């Protein structure tokens, strides 16, 4: 299962897509379950390079669209 986000950077306003594999080598999570965003490794805006995932809440505030697939 994977998940893709459309994100609008709160720092510079840039919009871009970001995706990650949710399985991480384990059983896939169910569709509709809360997604977990890694906060140890930085996710950065490709325009201004500011970190977007200091906390789960900060990342979620910048997400505009979420797409999930199996």
PDB file of N, CA and C in Angstrom:
ATOM      1  N   UNK A   1       0.837  -1.177   0.000  1.00  0.00           N
ATOM      2  CA  UNK A   1       0.000   0.000   0.000  1.00  0.00           C
ATOM      3  C   UNK A   1       0.880   1.237   0.000  1.00  0.00           C
ATOM      4  N   UNK A   2       0.455   2.251  -0.673  1.00  0.00           N
ATOM      5  CA  UNK A   2       1.178   3.502  -0.700  1.00  0.00           C
ATOM      6  C   UNK A   2       0.250   4.660  -0.423  1.00  0.00           C
ATOM      7  N   UNK A   3       0.839   5.788  -0.212  1.00  0.00           N
ATOM      8  CA  UNK A   3       0.054   6.992   0.034  1.00  0.00           C
ATOM      9  C   UNK A   3       0.758   8.162  -0.642  1.00  0.00           C
ATOM     10  N   UNK A   4      -0.022   9.024  -1.265  1.00  0.00           N
ATOM     11  CA  UNK A   4       0.522  10.203  -1.924  1.00  0.00           C
ATOM     12  C   UNK A   4      -0.203  11.428  -1.382  1.00  0.00           C
ATOM     13  N   UNK A   5       0.543  12.485  -1.210  1.00  0.00           N
ATOM     14  CA  UNK A   5      -0.005  13.728  -0.685  1.00  0.00           C
ATOM     15  C   UNK A   5       0.211  14.848  -1.686  1.00  0.00           C
ATOM     16  N   UNK A   6      -0.740  15.764  -1.777  1.00  0.00           N
ATOM     17  CA  UNK A   6      -0.497  17.039  -2.443  1.00  0.00           C
ATOM     18  C   UNK A   6      -0.300  18.018  -1.295  1.00  0.00           C
ATOM     19  N   UNK A   7       0.826  18.706  -1.288  1.00  0.00           N
ATOM     20  CA  UNK A   7       1.212  19.555  -0.169  1.00  0.00           C
ATOM     21  C   UNK A   7       1.369  20.990  -0.636  1.00  0.00           C
ATOM     22  N   UNK A   8       0.942  21.914   0.203  1.00  0.00           N
ATOM     23  CA  UNK A   8       1.191  23.338  -0.029  1.00  0.00           C
ATOM     24  C   UNK A   8       2.069  23.814   1.120  1.00  0.00           C
ATOM     25  N   UNK A   9       3.295  24.174   0.802  1.00  0.00           N
ATOM     26  CA  UNK A   9       4.264  24.603   1.806  1.00  0.00           C
ATOM     27  C   UNK A   9       3.766  25.863   2.497  1.00  0.00           C
ATOM     28  N   UNK A  10       3.734  25.851   3.818  1.00  0.00           N
ATOM     29  CA  UNK A  10       3.264  27.024   4.554  1.00  0.00           C
ATOM     30  C   UNK A  10       4.321  28.132   4.596  1.00  0.00           C
ATOM     31  N   UNK A  11       5.549  27.791   4.247  1.00  0.00           N
ATOM     32  CA  UNK A  11       6.632  28.774   4.271  1.00  0.00           C
ATOM     33  C   UNK A  11       6.656  29.633   3.009  1.00  0.00           C
ATOM     34  N   UNK A  12       6.553  28.975   1.840  1.00  0.00           N
ATOM     35  CA  UNK A  12       6.678  29.725   0.584  1.00  0.00           C
ATOM     36  C   UNK A  12       5.458  29.612  -0.329  1.00  0.00           C
ATOM     37  N   UNK A  13       4.519  28.729  -0.004  1.00  0.00           N
ATOM     38  CA  UNK A  13       3.315  28.577  -0.810  1.00  0.00           C
ATOM     39  C   UNK A  13       3.440  27.631  -1.988  1.00  0.00           C
ATOM     40  N   UNK A  14       4.597  27.003  -2.170  1.00  0.00           N
ATOM     41  CA  UNK A  14       4.788  26.065  -3.287  1.00  0.00           C
ATOM     42  C   UNK A  14       3.889  24.842  -3.105  1.00  0.00           C
ATOM     43  N   UNK A  15       3.334  24.342  -4.201  1.00  0.00           N
ATOM     44  CA  UNK A  15       2.516  23.135  -4.179  1.00  0.00           C
ATOM     45  C   UNK A  15       3.268  22.032  -4.907  1.00  0.00           C
ATOM     46  N   UNK A  16       3.298  20.844  -4.300  1.00  0.00           N
ATOM     47  CA  UNK A  16       3.993  19.714  -4.900  1.00  0.00           C
ATOM     48  C   UNK A  16       3.408  18.413  -4.376  1.00  0.00           C
ATOM     49  N   UNK A  17       3.766  17.309  -5.019  1.00  0.00           N
ATOM     50  CA  UNK A  17       3.310  15.982  -4.609  1.00  0.00           C
ATOM     51  C   UNK A  17       4.423  15.263  -3.866  1.00  0.00           C
ATOM     52  N   UNK A  18       4.033  14.476  -2.862  1.00  0.00           N
ATOM     53  CA  UNK A  18       4.971  13.680  -2.085  1.00  0.00           C
ATOM     54  C   UNK A  18       4.325  12.326  -1.873  1.00  0.00           C
ATOM     55  N   UNK A  19       5.083  11.237  -2.021  1.00  0.00           N
ATOM     56  CA  UNK A  19       4.525   9.901  -1.793  1.00  0.00           C
ATOM     57  C   UNK A  19       5.487   9.068  -0.965  1.00  0.00           C
ATOM     58  N   UNK A  20       4.906   8.089  -0.266  1.00  0.00           N
ATOM     59  CA  UNK A  20       5.716   7.170   0.523  1.00  0.00           C
ATOM     60  C   UNK A  20       5.030   5.824   0.574  1.00  0.00           C
ATOM     61  N   UNK A  21       5.831   4.785   0.802  1.00  0.00           N
ATOM     62  CA  UNK A  21       5.331   3.420   0.939  1.00  0.00           C
ATOM     63  C   UNK A  21       4.936   3.225   2.391  1.00  0.00           C
ATOM     64  N   UNK A  22       3.663   2.904   2.626  1.00  0.00           N
ATOM     65  CA  UNK A  22       3.175   2.743   3.989  1.00  0.00           C
ATOM     66  C   UNK A  22       3.453   1.360   4.570  1.00  0.00           C
ATOM     67  N   UNK A  23       3.782   0.369   3.730  1.00  0.00           N
ATOM     68  CA  UNK A  23       3.942  -0.989   4.246  1.00  0.00           C
ATOM     69  C   UNK A  23       5.214  -1.154   5.058  1.00  0.00           C
ATOM     70  N   UNK A  24       6.304  -0.483   4.672  1.00  0.00           N
ATOM     71  CA  UNK A  24       7.573  -0.550   5.376  1.00  0.00           C
ATOM     72  C   UNK A  24       7.986  -1.985   5.705  1.00  0.00           C
ATOM     73  N   UNK A  25       7.685  -2.899   4.778  1.00  0.00           N
ATOM     74  CA  UNK A  25       8.075  -4.287   4.967  1.00  0.00           C
ATOM     75  C   UNK A  25       7.122  -5.080   5.837  1.00  0.00           C
ATOM     76  N   UNK A  26       6.051  -4.473   6.282  1.00  0.00           N
ATOM     77  CA  UNK A  26       5.073  -5.165   7.124  1.00  0.00           C
ATOM     78  C   UNK A  26       3.779  -5.336   6.343  1.00  0.00           C
ATOM     79  N   UNK A  27       2.765  -5.836   7.020  1.00  0.00           N
ATOM     80  CA  UNK A  27       1.474  -5.995   6.374  1.00  0.00           C
ATOM     81  C   UNK A  27       0.910  -4.624   6.021  1.00  0.00           C
ATOM     82  N   UNK A  28       0.237  -4.506   4.888  1.00  0.00           N
ATOM     83  CA  UNK A  28      -0.337  -3.222   4.511  1.00  0.00           C
ATOM     84  C   UNK A  28      -1.380  -2.758   5.521  1.00  0.00           C
ATOM     85  N   UNK A  29      -1.479  -1.459   5.691  1.00  0.00           N
ATOM     86  CA  UNK A  29      -2.476  -0.892   6.586  1.00  0.00           C
ATOM     87  C   UNK A  29      -3.789  -0.767   5.837  1.00  0.00           C
ATOM     88  N   UNK A  30      -4.883  -0.707   6.558  1.00  0.00           N
ATOM     89  CA  UNK A  30      -6.187  -0.627   5.907  1.00  0.00           C
ATOM     90  C   UNK A  30      -6.428   0.772   5.345  1.00  0.00           C
ATOM     91  N   UNK A  31      -7.222   0.849   4.271  1.00  0.00           N
ATOM     92  CA  UNK A  31      -7.596   2.133   3.694  1.00  0.00           C
ATOM     93  C   UNK A  31      -8.521   2.819   4.686  1.00  0.00           C
ATOM     94  N   UNK A  32      -8.260   4.058   4.938  1.00  0.00           N
ATOM     95  CA  UNK A  32      -9.064   4.801   5.900  1.00  0.00           C
ATOM     96  C   UNK A  32      -8.427   4.866   7.270  1.00  0.00           C
ATOM     97  N   UNK A  33      -7.375   4.073   7.509  1.00  0.00           N
ATOM     98  CA  UNK A  33      -6.677   4.139   8.788  1.00  0.00           C
ATOM     99  C   UNK A  33      -5.843   5.406   8.844  1.00  0.00           C
ATOM    100  N   UNK A  34      -5.559   5.872  10.036  1.00  0.00           N
ATOM    101  CA  UNK A  34      -4.679   7.039  10.195  1.00  0.00           C
ATOM    102  C   UNK A  34      -3.334   6.714   9.566  1.00  0.00           C
ATOM    103  N   UNK A  35      -2.793   7.636   8.826  1.00  0.00           N
ATOM    104  CA  UNK A  35      -1.477   7.430   8.238  1.00  0.00           C
ATOM    105  C   UNK A  35      -0.420   8.013   9.173  1.00  0.00           C
ATOM    106  N   UNK A  36       0.755   7.444   9.110  1.00  0.00           N
ATOM    107  CA  UNK A  36       1.864   7.897   9.934  1.00  0.00           C
ATOM    108  C   UNK A  36       2.907   8.528   9.033  1.00  0.00           C
ATOM    109  N   UNK A  37       3.349   9.701   9.369  1.00  0.00           N
ATOM    110  CA  UNK A  37       4.384  10.375   8.602  1.00  0.00           C
ATOM    111  C   UNK A  37       5.656  10.359   9.430  1.00  0.00           C
ATOM    112  N   UNK A  38       6.724   9.878   8.842  1.00  0.00           N
ATOM    113  CA  UNK A  38       8.023   9.809   9.507  1.00  0.00           C
ATOM    114  C   UNK A  38       8.483  11.209   9.890  1.00  0.00           C
ATOM    115  N   UNK A  39       8.881  11.388  11.139  1.00  0.00           N
ATOM    116  CA  UNK A  39       9.388  12.694  11.570  1.00  0.00           C
ATOM    117  C   UNK A  39      10.884  12.668  11.856  1.00  0.00           C
ATOM    118  N   UNK A  40      11.497  11.495  11.814  1.00  0.00           N
ATOM    119  CA  UNK A  40      12.945  11.390  12.045  1.00  0.00           C
ATOM    120  C   UNK A  40      13.735  11.897  10.841  1.00  0.00           C
ATOM    121  N   UNK A  41      13.311  11.481   9.640  1.00  0.00           N
ATOM    122  CA  UNK A  41      13.971  11.924   8.408  1.00  0.00           C
ATOM    123  C   UNK A  41      13.203  13.130   7.867  1.00  0.00           C
ATOM    124  N   UNK A  42      13.881  14.214   7.528  1.00  0.00           N
ATOM    125  CA  UNK A  42      13.177  15.417   7.086  1.00  0.00           C
ATOM    126  C   UNK A  42      12.526  15.267   5.715  1.00  0.00           C
ATOM    127  N   UNK A  43      11.336  15.813   5.592  1.00  0.00           N
ATOM    128  CA  UNK A  43      10.680  15.996   4.305  1.00  0.00           C
ATOM    129  C   UNK A  43      10.785  17.494   4.039  1.00  0.00           C
ATOM    130  N   UNK A  44      11.408  17.850   2.924  1.00  0.00           N
ATOM    131  CA  UNK A  44      11.662  19.267   2.651  1.00  0.00           C
ATOM    132  C   UNK A  44      10.906  19.743   1.416  1.00  0.00           C
ATOM    133  N   UNK A  45      10.526  20.989   1.444  1.00  0.00           N
ATOM    134  CA  UNK A  45       9.889  21.639   0.298  1.00  0.00           C
ATOM    135  C   UNK A  45      10.936  21.728  -0.821  1.00  0.00           C
ATOM    136  N   UNK A  46      10.584  21.325  -2.041  1.00  0.00           N
ATOM    137  CA  UNK A  46      11.557  21.399  -3.142  1.00  0.00           C
ATOM    138  C   UNK A  46      11.855  22.838  -3.581  1.00  0.00           C
ATOM    139  N   UNK A  47      11.033  23.801  -3.200  1.00  0.00           N
ATOM    140  CA  UNK A  47      11.259  25.192  -3.603  1.00  0.00           C
ATOM    141  C   UNK A  47      12.114  25.956  -2.596  1.00  0.00           C
ATOM    142  N   UNK A  48      11.779  25.866  -1.305  1.00  0.00           N
ATOM    143  CA  UNK A  48      12.496  26.670  -0.303  1.00  0.00           C
ATOM    144  C   UNK A  48      13.351  25.824   0.646  1.00  0.00           C
ATOM    145  N   UNK A  49      13.240  24.511   0.557  1.00  0.00           N
ATOM    146  CA  UNK A  49      14.018  23.557   1.355  1.00  0.00           C
ATOM    147  C   UNK A  49      13.743  23.615   2.861  1.00  0.00           C
ATOM    148  N   UNK A  50      12.623  24.244   3.270  1.00  0.00           N
ATOM    149  CA  UNK A  50      12.241  24.242   4.683  1.00  0.00           C
ATOM    150  C   UNK A  50      11.693  22.869   5.031  1.00  0.00           C
ATOM    151  N   UNK A  51      11.944  22.424   6.247  1.00  0.00           N
ATOM    152  CA  UNK A  51      11.443  21.130   6.701  1.00  0.00           C
ATOM    153  C   UNK A  51       9.944  21.215   6.948  1.00  0.00           C
ATOM    154  N   UNK A  52       9.199  20.209   6.447  1.00  0.00           N
ATOM    155  CA  UNK A  52       7.745  20.208   6.533  1.00  0.00           C
ATOM    156  C   UNK A  52       7.204  19.260   7.596  1.00  0.00           C
ATOM    157  N   UNK A  53       8.043  18.388   8.117  1.00  0.00           N
ATOM    158  CA  UNK A  53       7.545  17.361   9.031  1.00  0.00           C
ATOM    159  C   UNK A  53       8.244  17.382  10.386  1.00  0.00           C
ATOM    160  N   UNK A  54       8.409  18.544  10.962  1.00  0.00           N
ATOM    161  CA  UNK A  54       8.985  18.609  12.303  1.00  0.00           C
ATOM    162  C   UNK A  54       8.100  17.838  13.271  1.00  0.00           C
ATOM    163  N   UNK A  55       6.774  17.976  13.100  1.00  0.00           N
ATOM    164  CA  UNK A  55       5.805  17.183  13.870  1.00  0.00           C
ATOM    165  C   UNK A  55       4.762  16.637  12.901  1.00  0.00           C
ATOM    166  N   UNK A  56       4.052  15.608  13.331  1.00  0.00           N
ATOM    167  CA  UNK A  56       2.961  15.031  12.545  1.00  0.00           C
ATOM    168  C   UNK A  56       1.897  16.106  12.276  1.00  0.00           C
ATOM    169  N   UNK A  57       1.576  16.898  13.278  1.00  0.00           N
ATOM    170  CA  UNK A  57       0.544  17.923  13.156  1.00  0.00           C
ATOM    171  C   UNK A  57       0.935  18.987  12.133  1.00  0.00           C
ATOM    172  N   UNK A  58       2.194  19.417  12.170  1.00  0.00           N
ATOM    173  CA  UNK A  58       2.670  20.427  11.226  1.00  0.00           C
ATOM    174  C   UNK A  58       2.541  19.916   9.791  1.00  0.00           C
ATOM    175  N   UNK A  59       2.914  18.661   9.559  1.00  0.00           N
ATOM    176  CA  UNK A  59       2.812  18.078   8.226  1.00  0.00           C
ATOM    177  C   UNK A  59       1.351  18.031   7.785  1.00  0.00           C
ATOM    178  N   UNK A  60       0.461  17.542   8.658  1.00  0.00           N
ATOM    179  CA  UNK A  60      -0.954  17.404   8.312  1.00  0.00           C
ATOM    180  C   UNK A  60      -1.607  18.737   7.985  1.00  0.00           C
ATOM    181  N   UNK A  61      -1.160  19.827   8.601  1.00  0.00           N
ATOM    182  CA  UNK A  61      -1.715  21.151   8.324  1.00  0.00           C
ATOM    183  C   UNK A  61      -1.409  21.606   6.895  1.00  0.00           C
ATOM    184  N   UNK A  62      -0.380  21.077   6.273  1.00  0.00           N
ATOM    185  CA  UNK A  62       0.039  21.485   4.936  1.00  0.00           C
ATOM    186  C   UNK A  62      -0.491  20.576   3.836  1.00  0.00           C
ATOM    187  N   UNK A  63      -1.116  19.454   4.211  1.00  0.00           N
ATOM    188  CA  UNK A  63      -1.632  18.488   3.237  1.00  0.00           C
ATOM    189  C   UNK A  63      -2.962  18.987   2.692  1.00  0.00           C
ATOM    190  N   UNK A  64      -3.081  18.996   1.358  1.00  0.00           N
ATOM    191  CA  UNK A  64      -4.327  19.403   0.718  1.00  0.00           C
ATOM    192  C   UNK A  64      -5.122  18.208   0.210  1.00  0.00           C
ATOM    193  N   UNK A  65      -4.446  17.193  -0.316  1.00  0.00           N
ATOM    194  CA  UNK A  65      -5.104  16.007  -0.869  1.00  0.00           C
ATOM    195  C   UNK A  65      -4.330  14.769  -0.469  1.00  0.00           C
ATOM    196  N   UNK A  66      -5.055  13.689  -0.151  1.00  0.00           N
ATOM    197  CA  UNK A  66      -4.428  12.408   0.184  1.00  0.00           C
ATOM    198  C   UNK A  66      -4.993  11.352  -0.746  1.00  0.00           C
ATOM    199  N   UNK A  67      -4.095  10.571  -1.368  1.00  0.00           N
ATOM    200  CA  UNK A  67      -4.504   9.466  -2.222  1.00  0.00           C
ATOM    201  C   UNK A  67      -3.851   8.192  -1.701  1.00  0.00           C
ATOM    202  N   UNK A  68      -4.626   7.120  -1.551  1.00  0.00           N
ATOM    203  CA  UNK A  68      -4.087   5.841  -1.060  1.00  0.00           C
ATOM    204  C   UNK A  68      -4.308   4.765  -2.117  1.00  0.00           C
ATOM    205  N   UNK A  69      -3.404   3.784  -2.171  1.00  0.00           N
ATOM    206  CA  UNK A  69      -3.558   2.663  -3.087  1.00  0.00           C
ATOM    207  C   UNK A  69      -2.975   1.395  -2.458  1.00  0.00           C
ATOM    208  N   UNK A  70      -3.435   0.271  -3.000  1.00  0.00           N
ATOM    209  CA  UNK A  70      -2.923  -1.049  -2.550  1.00  0.00           C
ATOM    210  C   UNK A  70      -1.789  -1.496  -3.400  1.00  0.00           C
TER     211      UNK A  70
END
